[in-house]
């Protein structure tokens, strides 16, 4: 996974990942009425955290980049928003109270394959019964999946590794994301090619994108418990 220091220079460019939130968030903001507790993983320059805080949500962000943390916290303080970004590893985050919503935009594809299941476990644990998880990731239909470009090397059936910069890429199989959330309500699920876009002044990019908005059941069904227990 890319370190925070790697992103410090990137985030000195305004709106590196865009200024608007992913369309997936406003399409389901009715799941987050004012006062909702929200966790934004990899919050970056705040394109999700700040709009939610302005709508009355209580937002906690997590990011490894000191530059990103400073930018978002400075804006939140100036506007008097209930939004705090912590500089910490997402796997080290702890909370005494589950969240109403957890945002996981664009993180799974940056992980080594051994970290994918642990992150899904945390998403299930962090959100309260009846709460919502937002996810975007990449799938094996990505144009770059079949033939990795240097310095990327194949590191497993769905994993890539850049040994020069110690970066990782992970691609889900079709529909696989839903297997990590058995019994959850599927509010939205789409897999296809995303829009052509740029980051800063970089080259055009297009990815095979997984979108999922999932609701944690308030009470698991008998079938779910049966599957989980192996009966």
Protein backbone atom coordinates (compact mmCIF):
# COMPACT_ATOMS: atom_id res chain seq x y z
CA UNK A 1 0.00 0.00 0.00
CA UNK A 2 1.33 3.44 -0.89
CA UNK A 3 2.66 5.38 2.10
CA UNK A 4 1.34 8.74 3.20
CA UNK A 5 4.60 10.48 2.36
CA UNK A 6 4.22 9.33 -1.25
CA UNK A 7 0.98 11.30 -1.44
CA UNK A 8 2.19 14.48 0.29
CA UNK A 9 3.58 15.96 -2.93
CA UNK A 10 0.57 14.76 -4.94
CA UNK A 11 -1.87 16.45 -2.59
CA UNK A 12 -0.12 19.80 -2.97
CA UNK A 13 -1.93 19.88 -6.31
CA UNK A 14 -5.51 21.06 -5.61
CA UNK A 15 -8.28 18.51 -6.13
CA UNK A 16 -5.96 15.70 -7.28
CA UNK A 17 -8.85 13.20 -7.31
CA UNK A 18 -11.41 15.85 -8.23
CA UNK A 19 -13.42 18.33 -6.22
CA UNK A 20 -16.76 16.53 -6.34
CA UNK A 21 -17.63 13.41 -4.36
CA UNK A 22 -18.17 10.10 -6.09
CA UNK A 23 -21.74 10.11 -7.51
CA UNK A 24 -22.31 7.02 -5.39
CA UNK A 25 -22.33 9.12 -2.21
CA UNK A 26 -24.98 11.77 -2.97
CA UNK A 27 -27.18 9.10 -4.57
CA UNK A 28 -27.57 7.49 -1.14
CA UNK A 29 -27.09 10.34 1.33
CA UNK A 30 -30.62 9.69 2.58
CA UNK A 31 -28.89 6.89 4.51
CA UNK A 32 -26.96 9.56 6.44
CA UNK A 33 -29.33 12.11 8.02
CA UNK A 34 -27.83 15.04 9.99
CA UNK A 35 -26.08 13.82 13.11
CA UNK A 36 -24.92 10.55 11.56
CA UNK A 37 -21.45 9.32 12.51
CA UNK A 38 -19.40 8.66 9.38
CA UNK A 39 -15.94 7.14 8.88
CA UNK A 40 -14.12 8.17 5.69
CA UNK A 41 -11.21 5.83 4.98
CA UNK A 42 -8.42 7.35 2.90
CA UNK A 43 -10.12 10.73 3.11
CA UNK A 44 -7.53 12.50 0.97
CA UNK A 45 -8.35 16.15 0.30
CA UNK A 46 -11.83 15.81 1.77
CA UNK A 47 -14.05 15.55 -1.29
CA UNK A 48 -16.34 13.20 0.65
CA UNK A 49 -15.71 14.18 4.25
CA UNK A 50 -16.27 17.93 3.89
CA UNK A 51 -19.62 17.82 2.01
CA UNK A 52 -20.96 15.32 4.55
CA UNK A 53 -19.83 17.50 7.45
CA UNK A 54 -21.47 20.51 5.82
CA UNK A 55 -24.72 18.54 5.66
CA UNK A 56 -24.61 18.00 9.43
CA UNK A 57 -22.84 14.64 9.72
CA UNK A 58 -20.15 14.00 12.31
CA UNK A 59 -17.21 12.85 10.23
CA UNK A 60 -13.99 11.09 11.17
CA UNK A 61 -11.44 10.75 8.38
CA UNK A 62 -8.37 8.53 8.26
CA UNK A 63 -5.40 9.15 5.98
CA UNK A 64 -1.65 8.52 6.07
CA UNK A 65 -0.75 11.75 4.26
CA UNK A 66 0.20 14.59 6.60
CA UNK A 67 -0.52 17.06 3.80
CA UNK A 68 -4.05 15.74 3.30
CA UNK A 69 -4.77 15.70 7.03
CA UNK A 70 -3.63 19.32 7.40
CA UNK A 71 -5.66 20.51 4.41
CA UNK A 72 -8.94 18.98 5.51
CA UNK A 73 -8.61 19.82 9.20
CA UNK A 74 -7.75 23.43 8.34
CA UNK A 75 -10.90 23.80 6.24
CA UNK A 76 -13.05 22.04 8.83
CA UNK A 77 -11.78 24.32 11.60
CA UNK A 78 -12.28 27.47 9.52
CA UNK A 79 -15.89 26.47 8.72
CA UNK A 80 -16.66 25.14 12.20
CA UNK A 81 -17.45 21.66 10.89
CA UNK A 82 -17.70 18.49 12.96
CA UNK A 83 -14.97 16.82 10.91
CA UNK A 84 -11.61 15.53 12.10
CA UNK A 85 -9.08 13.65 10.01
CA UNK A 86 -6.63 11.41 11.83
CA UNK A 87 -3.22 10.57 10.46
CA UNK A 88 -3.13 6.82 10.94
CA UNK A 89 -3.14 3.52 9.11
CA UNK A 90 -6.67 2.37 8.34
CA UNK A 91 -5.95 -1.00 9.97
CA UNK A 92 -4.99 0.74 13.22
CA UNK A 93 -8.22 2.72 13.53
CA UNK A 94 -10.29 1.99 16.61
CA UNK A 95 -13.66 3.29 17.76
CA UNK A 96 -15.74 2.84 20.90
CA UNK A 97 -18.99 3.28 18.97
CA UNK A 98 -19.89 1.88 15.54
CA UNK A 99 -20.53 4.26 12.67
CA UNK A 100 -23.75 4.92 10.78
CA UNK A 101 -21.81 4.93 7.54
CA UNK A 102 -18.32 3.92 6.37
CA UNK A 103 -16.82 5.17 3.10
CA UNK A 104 -14.24 2.99 1.36
CA UNK A 105 -13.64 4.69 -1.98
CA UNK A 106 -10.68 3.39 -3.97
CA UNK A 107 -8.80 1.56 -1.22
CA UNK A 108 -9.15 -2.13 -2.03
CA UNK A 109 -7.23 -1.80 -5.30
CA UNK A 110 -4.21 -0.38 -3.43
CA UNK A 111 -3.84 -3.36 -1.09
CA UNK A 112 -1.81 -6.56 -1.26
CA UNK A 113 -4.16 -9.52 -1.61
CA UNK A 114 -3.50 -10.58 2.00
CA UNK A 115 -5.10 -7.33 3.26
CA UNK A 116 -8.35 -7.52 1.28
CA UNK A 117 -10.25 -9.87 3.58
CA UNK A 118 -9.05 -8.09 6.76
CA UNK A 119 -10.33 -4.77 5.42
CA UNK A 120 -13.70 -6.29 4.59
CA UNK A 121 -13.82 -7.68 8.15
CA UNK A 122 -13.23 -4.19 9.55
CA UNK A 123 -15.91 -2.64 7.36
CA UNK A 124 -18.43 -5.14 8.71
CA UNK A 125 -17.31 -4.47 12.29
CA UNK A 126 -17.17 -0.68 12.07
CA UNK A 127 -20.73 -0.07 10.83
CA UNK A 128 -23.71 -0.46 13.15
CA UNK A 129 -26.65 -2.77 12.39
CA UNK A 130 -28.80 -0.87 9.90
CA UNK A 131 -25.80 1.22 8.82
CA UNK A 132 -24.32 1.55 5.34
CA UNK A 133 -20.98 0.90 3.63
CA UNK A 134 -19.93 2.57 0.37
CA UNK A 135 -17.25 0.81 -1.71
CA UNK A 136 -15.49 1.42 -5.00
CA UNK A 137 -12.73 -0.89 -6.21
CA UNK A 138 -11.33 -2.40 -9.42
CA UNK A 139 -12.19 -5.68 -11.13
CA UNK A 140 -10.46 -8.01 -13.58
CA UNK A 141 -12.14 -6.31 -16.55
CA UNK A 142 -9.77 -3.38 -16.05
CA UNK A 143 -7.94 -2.60 -19.32
CA UNK A 144 -4.56 -2.92 -17.57
CA UNK A 145 -5.28 -6.22 -15.83
CA UNK A 146 -4.20 -8.75 -18.47
CA UNK A 147 -0.81 -7.25 -19.37
CA UNK A 148 0.85 -5.39 -16.50
CA UNK A 149 3.07 -2.51 -17.57
CA UNK A 150 6.54 -2.09 -16.07
CA UNK A 151 7.38 -1.69 -13.24
CA UNK A 152 4.23 -3.68 -12.30
CA UNK A 153 4.68 -7.44 -11.96
CA UNK A 154 2.19 -10.26 -11.45
CA UNK A 155 2.02 -11.12 -7.73
CA UNK A 156 -0.89 -13.59 -7.80
CA UNK A 157 -4.02 -14.36 -9.82
CA UNK A 158 -5.50 -10.91 -9.12
CA UNK A 159 -2.59 -9.05 -7.59
CA UNK A 160 0.16 -6.84 -8.99
CA UNK A 161 3.27 -5.47 -7.28
CA UNK A 162 5.62 -2.63 -8.16
CA UNK A 163 8.90 -3.67 -6.47
CA UNK A 164 10.59 -0.39 -7.35
CA UNK A 165 8.15 1.73 -5.33
CA UNK A 166 6.64 -1.08 -3.20
CA UNK A 167 3.10 -0.42 -4.44
CA UNK A 168 0.26 -2.93 -4.78
CA UNK A 169 -2.80 -3.41 -6.97
CA UNK A 170 -5.68 -5.81 -6.38
CA UNK A 171 -8.57 -6.70 -8.73
CA UNK A 172 -11.83 -8.39 -7.69
CA UNK A 173 -13.41 -11.17 -9.72
CA UNK A 174 -16.88 -10.28 -11.09
CA UNK A 175 -19.48 -10.18 -8.28
CA UNK A 176 -16.81 -11.17 -5.73
CA UNK A 177 -17.26 -8.06 -3.57
CA UNK A 178 -20.70 -9.31 -2.51
CA UNK A 179 -19.22 -12.54 -1.14
CA UNK A 180 -17.56 -10.53 1.62
CA UNK A 181 -20.93 -9.25 2.87
CA UNK A 182 -23.24 -12.30 3.12
CA UNK A 183 -26.80 -11.43 4.07
CA UNK A 184 -26.30 -7.67 3.66
CA UNK A 185 -28.84 -5.57 1.77
CA UNK A 186 -27.52 -4.69 -1.69
CA UNK A 187 -28.68 -1.11 -2.21
CA UNK A 188 -26.51 -0.67 -5.29
CA UNK A 189 -24.08 -2.88 -7.18
CA UNK A 190 -22.57 -2.16 -10.57
CA UNK A 191 -19.47 -3.38 -12.38
CA UNK A 192 -18.23 -1.98 -15.68
CA UNK A 193 -15.78 0.49 -17.17
CA UNK A 194 -15.49 3.80 -15.37
CA UNK A 195 -15.21 7.17 -17.04
CA UNK A 196 -11.99 8.31 -18.69
CA UNK A 197 -10.31 10.75 -16.29
CA UNK A 198 -7.04 12.37 -15.28
CA UNK A 199 -5.28 12.98 -11.98
CA UNK A 200 -3.68 16.41 -12.04
CA UNK A 201 -1.79 16.73 -15.33
CA UNK A 202 -1.31 12.95 -15.66
CA UNK A 203 -2.31 10.84 -18.67
CA UNK A 204 -5.92 9.74 -19.29
CA UNK A 205 -6.97 6.67 -17.29
CA UNK A 206 -9.90 4.28 -17.38
CA UNK A 207 -10.55 1.42 -14.97
CA UNK A 208 -12.80 -1.55 -14.50
CA UNK A 209 -14.81 -0.25 -11.56
CA UNK A 210 -16.75 -2.06 -8.84
CA UNK A 211 -19.45 0.01 -7.11
CA UNK A 212 -21.34 -1.24 -4.07
CA UNK A 213 -23.58 0.36 -1.46
CA UNK A 214 -24.44 -2.22 1.18
CA UNK A 215 -26.68 -2.10 4.25
CA UNK A 216 -25.81 -4.11 7.32
CA UNK A 217 -28.82 -6.17 8.42
CA UNK A 218 -30.35 -5.21 11.75
CA UNK A 219 -30.86 -8.87 12.55
CA UNK A 220 -29.18 -11.63 10.51
CA UNK A 221 -31.53 -14.10 8.87
CA UNK A 222 -31.52 -17.79 9.80
CA UNK A 223 -30.03 -18.63 6.40
CA UNK A 224 -27.09 -16.26 6.97
CA UNK A 225 -26.33 -17.75 10.37
CA UNK A 226 -26.56 -21.25 8.91
CA UNK A 227 -24.03 -20.42 6.19
CA UNK A 228 -21.64 -18.70 8.58
CA UNK A 229 -21.73 -21.57 11.07
CA UNK A 230 -21.07 -24.14 8.37
CA UNK A 231 -24.21 -26.10 9.25
